Amino acid sequence: MQVHPALLSTVSAADKKIGNPPAWMSKDGKQAWRDIVKGLGDSVYALDGLSMMLMCEAFSAAQGAAKDLATRGPLIQSRDRGLVKSPSLQILRDAGATFRAFADSFGLTPGARRRLGIDLSEETDTGLLD
């Protein structure tokens, strides 16, 4: 497997803090990266760059699919078969599962935080879903 050269800069050292998202990421993926890195603070390292990129791009894909479903609904008109299930439903399902898997590994789900003994009851809204 070849790693994209832009990603190599994010994984240069295991003890180096994670930097900015790769320039080639989607706009929403980059914003998710910045928001999540800010929320995680000092607990995310450059070595986490590949996982962070996959998680943030999955978030971006899920968000795009959810917006499409909100606009067009779960059924769309096909050229020859009448109403059919929107492909955005499958995209949302797949991207959501990918995001949840990575989010759990970063401690971003309630269950993961419980397992890690992290209490965020004093935290405020991150704005991720705005």
Protein backbone atom coordinates (compact mmCIF):
# COMPACT_ATOMS: atom_id res chain seq x y z
CA MET A 1 0.00 0.00 0.00
CA GLN A 2 1.32 3.41 -0.91
CA VAL A 3 0.61 6.30 1.43
CA HIS A 4 -0.23 9.63 -0.17
CA PRO A 5 2.82 11.96 0.20
CA ALA A 6 0.69 14.66 1.85
CA LEU A 7 -0.18 12.21 4.62
CA LEU A 8 3.45 11.39 5.30
CA SER A 9 3.93 14.84 6.75
CA THR A 10 1.25 14.09 9.35
CA VAL A 11 2.96 10.88 10.49
CA SER A 12 6.57 12.03 10.68
CA ALA A 13 7.06 11.25 14.36
CA ALA A 14 5.07 9.29 16.94
CA ASP A 15 5.59 11.93 19.62
CA LYS A 16 4.84 14.95 17.40
CA LYS A 17 1.45 16.61 17.87
CA ILE A 18 -0.90 16.39 14.93
CA GLY A 19 -0.85 19.33 12.53
CA ASN A 20 -3.25 20.71 10.01
CA PRO A 21 -5.32 18.46 7.74
CA PRO A 22 -3.87 17.56 4.33
CA ALA A 23 -4.73 20.19 1.71
CA TRP A 24 -6.42 17.64 -0.57
CA MET A 25 -9.09 16.67 1.98
CA SER A 26 -12.68 17.79 1.43
CA LYS A 27 -13.76 21.12 2.92
CA ASP A 28 -16.06 19.42 5.45
CA GLY A 29 -13.42 16.81 6.24
CA LYS A 30 -10.85 19.52 7.00
CA GLN A 31 -13.31 21.35 9.24
CA ALA A 32 -14.10 18.13 11.11
CA TRP A 33 -10.33 17.54 11.51
CA ARG A 34 -9.82 21.00 13.02
CA ASP A 35 -12.83 20.66 15.35
CA ILE A 36 -11.90 17.17 16.54
CA VAL A 37 -8.21 17.99 17.04
CA LYS A 38 -9.22 21.06 19.04
CA GLY A 39 -11.54 18.94 21.18
CA LEU A 40 -8.95 16.21 21.74
CA GLY A 41 -6.23 18.68 22.70
CA ASP A 42 -2.88 17.12 23.54
CA SER A 43 -4.09 13.54 23.18
CA VAL A 44 -3.76 13.30 19.38
CA TYR A 45 -0.43 12.82 17.64
CA ALA A 46 0.92 13.02 14.10
CA LEU A 47 0.91 9.22 14.00
CA ASP A 48 -2.90 9.42 14.27
CA GLY A 49 -3.10 11.37 10.98
CA LEU A 50 -4.23 8.49 8.77
CA SER A 51 -6.99 7.44 11.17
CA MET A 52 -8.01 11.06 11.67
CA MET A 53 -8.22 11.60 7.89
CA LEU A 54 -10.37 8.49 7.38
CA MET A 55 -12.67 9.43 10.26
CA CYS A 56 -13.06 13.03 9.07
CA GLU A 57 -13.70 12.06 5.44
CA ALA A 58 -16.29 9.52 6.63
CA PHE A 59 -17.93 12.34 8.61
CA SER A 60 -17.89 14.52 5.50
CA ALA A 61 -19.48 11.79 3.36
CA ALA A 62 -22.14 11.09 6.00
CA GLN A 63 -22.91 14.79 6.31
CA GLY A 64 -23.25 15.16 2.54
CA ALA A 65 -25.56 12.15 2.36
CA ALA A 66 -27.67 13.45 5.25
CA LYS A 67 -28.02 16.84 3.55
CA ASP A 68 -29.07 15.14 0.32
CA LEU A 69 -31.67 13.06 2.17
CA ALA A 70 -33.01 16.17 3.89
CA THR A 71 -33.37 17.88 0.51
CA ARG A 72 -34.59 15.05 -1.73
CA GLY A 73 -35.93 12.51 0.77
CA PRO A 74 -35.27 8.77 1.03
CA LEU A 75 -36.90 7.97 -2.32
CA ILE A 76 -35.82 9.38 -5.66
CA GLN A 77 -37.23 9.12 -9.15
CA SER A 78 -35.30 6.71 -11.37
CA ARG A 79 -35.21 7.00 -15.15
CA ASP A 80 -37.11 3.80 -15.74
CA ARG A 81 -38.27 2.22 -12.46
CA GLY A 82 -40.27 4.93 -10.73
CA LEU A 83 -39.39 5.68 -7.12
CA VAL A 84 -36.30 3.92 -5.74
CA LYS A 85 -34.32 4.09 -2.53
CA SER A 86 -31.84 6.98 -2.55
CA PRO A 87 -28.17 5.90 -2.77
CA SER A 88 -27.57 8.49 -0.04
CA LEU A 89 -29.14 6.08 2.46
CA GLN A 90 -26.36 3.53 1.86
CA ILE A 91 -23.69 6.23 1.84
CA LEU A 92 -24.96 7.53 5.18
CA ARG A 93 -25.06 4.02 6.63
CA ASP A 94 -21.55 3.07 5.43
CA ALA A 95 -19.89 6.39 6.26
CA GLY A 96 -21.63 6.48 9.63
CA ALA A 97 -20.32 3.02 10.51
CA THR A 98 -16.79 4.01 9.47
CA PHE A 99 -16.98 7.23 11.47
CA ARG A 100 -18.31 5.44 14.57
CA ALA A 101 -15.50 2.88 14.45
CA PHE A 102 -12.79 5.56 14.32
CA ALA A 103 -14.62 7.85 16.76
CA ASP A 104 -14.73 5.01 19.27
CA SER A 105 -10.97 4.52 18.98
CA PHE A 106 -10.40 8.24 19.62
CA GLY A 107 -12.71 8.21 22.67
CA LEU A 108 -15.37 10.29 20.93
CA THR A 109 -18.38 8.15 21.81
CA PRO A 110 -20.17 7.94 25.17
CA GLY A 111 -19.29 4.24 25.50
CA ALA A 112 -15.62 4.84 24.78
CA ARG A 113 -15.47 7.66 27.32
CA ARG A 114 -17.14 5.44 29.95
CA ARG A 115 -14.56 2.70 29.30
CA LEU A 116 -11.77 5.28 29.63
CA GLY A 117 -13.27 6.87 32.75
CA ILE A 118 -13.67 10.27 31.08
CA ASP A 119 -16.41 12.54 32.41
CA LEU A 120 -17.45 15.33 30.06
CA SER A 121 -20.50 16.46 32.02
CA GLU A 122 -19.01 19.98 32.31
CA GLU A 123 -18.21 20.28 28.58
CA THR A 124 -20.19 22.49 26.23
CA ASP A 125 -21.41 21.95 22.68
CA THR A 126 -18.58 21.58 20.16
CA GLY A 127 -20.62 22.91 17.24
CA LEU A 128 -19.75 19.89 15.09
CA LEU A 129 -23.34 19.43 13.99
CA ASP A 130 -24.02 23.07 13.12
